[in-house]
Amino acid sequence: MNILKQETDLDIDEMKRHDHIHESFASNAELRKRYIRTKRVLGHRIFANRSLQLDRIKSSGFDMDYTLALYKSPEFEEVTFQQIIESLIELGYSEQI
């Protein structure tokens, strides 16, 4: 495993214990100090101005203005279209849609 990958990968076991760790620290500052070694390369970070509970996320989407990612538009649109069709069929719509 290369050095960059070792530095940027998070310890999965530590992530699973996040709730317990968070309760054991007196402040967010202490929590940040604990995870300072898991710092990712700037381009691989997600920034938010509030707390996120990612365990509740069922799906995600992208704003197609190319601010977050460069898209291969025809391929992206085809995959998106197919996933929408599959979701509608799972909801009970006819497979002929």
N, C-alpha and C. Protein backbone atom coordinates (compact mmCIF):
# COMPACT_ATOMS: atom_id res chain seq x y z
N MET A 1 0.86 -1.18 0.00
CA MET A 1 0.00 0.00 0.00
C MET A 1 0.90 1.23 0.00
N ASN A 2 0.60 2.19 -0.84
CA ASN A 2 1.46 3.37 -0.90
C ASN A 2 1.22 4.30 0.29
N ILE A 3 2.17 5.17 0.53
CA ILE A 3 2.13 6.06 1.70
C ILE A 3 0.93 6.98 1.67
N LEU A 4 0.62 7.56 0.50
CA LEU A 4 -0.51 8.47 0.40
C LEU A 4 -1.81 7.78 0.78
N LYS A 5 -2.00 6.54 0.30
CA LYS A 5 -3.22 5.81 0.61
C LYS A 5 -3.29 5.54 2.11
N GLN A 6 -2.18 5.18 2.74
CA GLN A 6 -2.18 4.94 4.18
C GLN A 6 -2.56 6.19 4.95
N GLU A 7 -2.08 7.34 4.50
CA GLU A 7 -2.35 8.59 5.20
C GLU A 7 -3.80 9.04 5.02
N THR A 8 -4.42 8.70 3.91
CA THR A 8 -5.76 9.22 3.64
C THR A 8 -6.87 8.27 4.02
N ASP A 9 -6.58 6.99 4.18
CA ASP A 9 -7.63 6.03 4.54
C ASP A 9 -8.01 6.17 6.01
N LEU A 10 -9.30 6.14 6.28
CA LEU A 10 -9.77 6.18 7.66
C LEU A 10 -9.83 4.76 8.21
N ASP A 11 -9.60 4.60 9.49
CA ASP A 11 -9.74 3.32 10.15
C ASP A 11 -11.23 3.03 10.31
N ILE A 12 -11.71 2.02 9.60
CA ILE A 12 -13.15 1.71 9.59
C ILE A 12 -13.66 1.41 10.99
N ASP A 13 -12.89 0.69 11.79
CA ASP A 13 -13.33 0.39 13.15
C ASP A 13 -13.53 1.66 13.96
N GLU A 14 -12.64 2.63 13.77
CA GLU A 14 -12.80 3.91 14.48
C GLU A 14 -14.05 4.64 14.02
N MET A 15 -14.34 4.56 12.73
CA MET A 15 -15.54 5.22 12.22
C MET A 15 -16.79 4.58 12.81
N LYS A 16 -16.79 3.25 12.96
CA LYS A 16 -17.94 2.55 13.52
C LYS A 16 -18.16 2.92 14.98
N ARG A 17 -17.08 3.27 15.66
CA ARG A 17 -17.18 3.64 17.07
C ARG A 17 -17.39 5.14 17.25
N HIS A 18 -17.63 5.85 16.18
CA HIS A 18 -17.73 7.32 16.22
C HIS A 18 -18.68 7.81 17.29
N ASP A 19 -19.87 7.25 17.38
CA ASP A 19 -20.84 7.73 18.37
C ASP A 19 -20.31 7.59 19.79
N HIS A 20 -19.69 6.46 20.09
CA HIS A 20 -19.15 6.25 21.43
C HIS A 20 -17.99 7.19 21.72
N ILE A 21 -17.14 7.38 20.74
CA ILE A 21 -16.01 8.28 20.91
C ILE A 21 -16.50 9.71 21.12
N HIS A 22 -17.47 10.11 20.31
CA HIS A 22 -18.00 11.48 20.41
C HIS A 22 -18.54 11.75 21.81
N GLU A 23 -19.21 10.77 22.40
CA GLU A 23 -19.75 10.94 23.74
C GLU A 23 -18.66 11.06 24.80
N SER A 24 -17.51 10.42 24.55
CA SER A 24 -16.45 10.41 25.55
C SER A 24 -15.58 11.66 25.54
N PHE A 25 -15.71 12.51 24.54
CA PHE A 25 -14.92 13.73 24.47
C PHE A 25 -15.74 14.90 24.97
N ALA A 26 -15.06 15.83 25.63
CA ALA A 26 -15.76 16.97 26.23
C ALA A 26 -16.15 18.01 25.18
N SER A 27 -15.46 18.07 24.07
CA SER A 27 -15.75 19.10 23.08
C SER A 27 -15.42 18.63 21.68
N ASN A 28 -15.93 19.35 20.70
CA ASN A 28 -15.60 19.05 19.31
C ASN A 28 -14.12 19.27 19.04
N ALA A 29 -13.50 20.21 19.75
CA ALA A 29 -12.07 20.48 19.57
C ALA A 29 -11.25 19.24 19.93
N GLU A 30 -11.62 18.57 21.01
CA GLU A 30 -10.92 17.35 21.40
C GLU A 30 -11.14 16.25 20.36
N LEU A 31 -12.34 16.17 19.83
CA LEU A 31 -12.64 15.17 18.80
C LEU A 31 -11.81 15.43 17.55
N ARG A 32 -11.68 16.70 17.15
CA ARG A 32 -10.86 17.03 15.98
C ARG A 32 -9.40 16.64 16.20
N LYS A 33 -8.88 16.87 17.40
CA LYS A 33 -7.50 16.48 17.71
C LYS A 33 -7.32 14.97 17.57
N ARG A 34 -8.32 14.22 18.00
CA ARG A 34 -8.26 12.75 17.94
C ARG A 34 -8.15 12.26 16.50
N TYR A 35 -8.83 12.92 15.59
CA TYR A 35 -8.87 12.47 14.20
C TYR A 35 -7.94 13.23 13.27
N ILE A 36 -7.03 14.02 13.81
CA ILE A 36 -6.15 14.83 12.98
C ILE A 36 -5.32 13.97 12.03
N ARG A 37 -4.97 12.77 12.43
CA ARG A 37 -4.15 11.91 11.58
C ARG A 37 -4.93 11.34 10.39
N THR A 38 -6.26 11.44 10.41
CA THR A 38 -7.05 10.90 9.31
C THR A 38 -7.33 11.94 8.24
N LYS A 39 -6.65 13.06 8.32
CA LYS A 39 -6.87 14.15 7.38
C LYS A 39 -6.66 13.67 5.95
N ARG A 40 -7.61 13.99 5.10
CA ARG A 40 -7.55 13.59 3.70
C ARG A 40 -6.98 14.71 2.83
N VAL A 41 -6.52 14.34 1.65
CA VAL A 41 -6.06 15.31 0.67
C VAL A 41 -7.21 16.26 0.38
N LEU A 42 -6.93 17.54 0.19
CA LEU A 42 -7.96 18.55 0.03
C LEU A 42 -9.03 18.17 -0.99
N GLY A 43 -8.65 17.61 -2.11
CA GLY A 43 -9.60 17.24 -3.15
C GLY A 43 -10.50 16.08 -2.79
N HIS A 44 -10.21 15.36 -1.69
CA HIS A 44 -11.01 14.21 -1.27
C HIS A 44 -11.85 14.50 -0.04
N ARG A 45 -12.00 15.75 0.32
CA ARG A 45 -12.75 16.12 1.52
C ARG A 45 -14.15 16.59 1.17
N ILE A 46 -15.05 16.46 2.14
CA ILE A 46 -16.40 17.00 2.03
C ILE A 46 -16.52 18.07 3.10
N PHE A 47 -16.98 19.24 2.73
CA PHE A 47 -17.11 20.33 3.67
C PHE A 47 -18.59 20.61 3.92
N ALA A 48 -18.93 20.83 5.17
CA ALA A 48 -20.31 21.15 5.53
C ALA A 48 -20.28 22.15 6.67
N ASN A 49 -21.30 22.99 6.74
CA ASN A 49 -21.35 23.97 7.82
C ASN A 49 -22.27 23.52 8.95
N ARG A 50 -22.61 22.24 8.95
CA ARG A 50 -23.41 21.68 10.03
C ARG A 50 -23.11 20.19 10.13
N SER A 51 -23.57 19.56 11.18
CA SER A 51 -23.34 18.13 11.36
C SER A 51 -24.16 17.33 10.36
N LEU A 52 -23.57 16.25 9.86
CA LEU A 52 -24.26 15.36 8.93
C LEU A 52 -24.33 13.97 9.53
N GLN A 53 -25.49 13.35 9.45
CA GLN A 53 -25.63 11.96 9.88
C GLN A 53 -25.75 11.11 8.63
N LEU A 54 -24.61 10.67 8.11
CA LEU A 54 -24.57 9.97 6.84
C LEU A 54 -25.20 8.59 6.90
N ASP A 55 -25.39 8.04 8.10
CA ASP A 55 -26.02 6.72 8.21
C ASP A 55 -27.48 6.76 7.78
N ARG A 56 -28.06 7.93 7.70
CA ARG A 56 -29.46 8.06 7.29
C ARG A 56 -29.63 8.37 5.80
N ILE A 57 -28.54 8.53 5.08
CA ILE A 57 -28.60 8.87 3.66
C ILE A 57 -28.98 7.62 2.87
N LYS A 58 -30.05 7.71 2.09
CA LYS A 58 -30.50 6.59 1.27
C LYS A 58 -30.01 6.72 -0.18
N SER A 59 -29.83 7.93 -0.65
CA SER A 59 -29.34 8.15 -2.01
C SER A 59 -28.66 9.51 -2.08
N SER A 60 -27.91 9.71 -3.12
CA SER A 60 -27.25 11.00 -3.30
C SER A 60 -27.38 11.41 -4.76
N GLY A 61 -27.18 12.67 -5.02
CA GLY A 61 -27.28 13.17 -6.38
C GLY A 61 -26.23 14.23 -6.62
N PHE A 62 -26.12 14.68 -7.83
CA PHE A 62 -25.15 15.69 -8.18
C PHE A 62 -25.82 16.85 -8.88
N ASP A 63 -25.33 18.01 -8.60
CA ASP A 63 -25.74 19.21 -9.32
C ASP A 63 -24.94 19.20 -10.62
N MET A 64 -25.62 19.18 -11.73
CA MET A 64 -24.94 19.01 -13.02
C MET A 64 -24.29 20.29 -13.56
N ASP A 65 -23.90 21.20 -12.69
CA ASP A 65 -23.23 22.41 -13.17
C ASP A 65 -21.71 22.27 -13.17
N TYR A 66 -21.22 21.04 -12.95
CA TYR A 66 -19.80 20.72 -13.02
C TYR A 66 -18.96 21.40 -11.94
N THR A 67 -19.57 21.81 -10.83
CA THR A 67 -18.79 22.44 -9.77
C THR A 67 -18.10 21.42 -8.89
N LEU A 68 -18.65 20.22 -8.77
CA LEU A 68 -18.07 19.21 -7.89
C LEU A 68 -17.35 18.10 -8.64
N ALA A 69 -17.75 17.85 -9.86
CA ALA A 69 -17.16 16.75 -10.61
C ALA A 69 -17.28 17.02 -12.10
N LEU A 70 -16.41 16.37 -12.85
CA LEU A 70 -16.52 16.41 -14.30
C LEU A 70 -17.27 15.15 -14.72
N TYR A 71 -18.28 15.31 -15.53
CA TYR A 71 -19.14 14.19 -15.91
C TYR A 71 -18.89 13.78 -17.35
N LYS A 72 -19.02 12.48 -17.58
CA LYS A 72 -19.09 11.97 -18.95
C LYS A 72 -20.58 11.94 -19.25
N SER A 73 -21.06 13.02 -19.80
CA SER A 73 -22.49 13.28 -19.85
C SER A 73 -23.33 12.15 -20.46
N PRO A 74 -23.04 11.64 -21.64
CA PRO A 74 -23.93 10.59 -22.16
C PRO A 74 -23.97 9.36 -21.25
N GLU A 75 -22.82 8.94 -20.74
CA GLU A 75 -22.78 7.77 -19.87
C GLU A 75 -23.51 8.04 -18.55
N PHE A 76 -23.28 9.21 -17.98
CA PHE A 76 -23.92 9.58 -16.72
C PHE A 76 -25.44 9.61 -16.88
N GLU A 77 -25.90 10.22 -17.95
CA GLU A 77 -27.35 10.31 -18.19
C GLU A 77 -27.97 8.94 -18.40
N GLU A 78 -27.27 8.04 -19.09
CA GLU A 78 -27.79 6.69 -19.32
C GLU A 78 -27.91 5.92 -18.00
N VAL A 79 -26.88 5.98 -17.17
CA VAL A 79 -26.92 5.30 -15.88
C VAL A 79 -28.03 5.87 -15.01
N THR A 80 -28.15 7.18 -14.98
CA THR A 80 -29.20 7.84 -14.20
C THR A 80 -30.58 7.40 -14.68
N PHE A 81 -30.79 7.40 -15.99
CA PHE A 81 -32.08 7.01 -16.56
C PHE A 81 -32.41 5.56 -16.18
N GLN A 82 -31.44 4.66 -16.32
CA GLN A 82 -31.68 3.25 -15.99
C GLN A 82 -32.01 3.07 -14.51
N GLN A 83 -31.34 3.80 -13.63
CA GLN A 83 -31.62 3.68 -12.20
C GLN A 83 -33.01 4.22 -11.86
N ILE A 84 -33.43 5.27 -12.53
CA ILE A 84 -34.78 5.80 -12.30
C ILE A 84 -35.82 4.77 -12.73
N ILE A 85 -35.62 4.16 -13.90
CA ILE A 85 -36.55 3.13 -14.38
C ILE A 85 -36.62 1.98 -13.39
N GLU A 86 -35.46 1.49 -12.91
CA GLU A 86 -35.44 0.40 -11.94
C GLU A 86 -36.17 0.78 -10.66
N SER A 87 -35.98 2.00 -10.20
CA SER A 87 -36.66 2.46 -8.97
C SER A 87 -38.17 2.50 -9.17
N LEU A 88 -38.62 2.98 -10.32
CA LEU A 88 -40.06 3.04 -10.59
C LEU A 88 -40.67 1.64 -10.65
N ILE A 89 -39.96 0.70 -11.26
CA ILE A 89 -40.44 -0.68 -11.34
C ILE A 89 -40.53 -1.28 -9.94
N GLU A 90 -39.52 -1.02 -9.09
CA GLU A 90 -39.56 -1.50 -7.71
C GLU A 90 -40.74 -0.91 -6.94
N LEU A 91 -41.16 0.29 -7.31
CA LEU A 91 -42.31 0.92 -6.65
C LEU A 91 -43.65 0.40 -7.18
N GLY A 92 -43.60 -0.46 -8.19
CA GLY A 92 -44.83 -1.06 -8.70
C GLY A 92 -45.26 -0.62 -10.08
N TYR A 93 -44.50 0.24 -10.71
CA TYR A 93 -44.83 0.65 -12.07
C TYR A 93 -44.56 -0.51 -13.04
N SER A 94 -45.26 -0.51 -14.16
CA SER A 94 -45.10 -1.55 -15.17
C SER A 94 -43.69 -1.53 -15.75
N GLU A 95 -43.16 -2.70 -16.08
CA GLU A 95 -41.83 -2.78 -16.69
C GLU A 95 -41.82 -2.20 -18.09
N GLN A 96 -42.99 -1.91 -18.64
CA GLN A 96 -43.09 -1.36 -20.00
C GLN A 96 -42.90 0.16 -20.03
N ILE A 97 -42.69 0.79 -18.88
CA ILE A 97 -42.52 2.25 -18.89
C ILE A 97 -41.25 2.56 -19.62
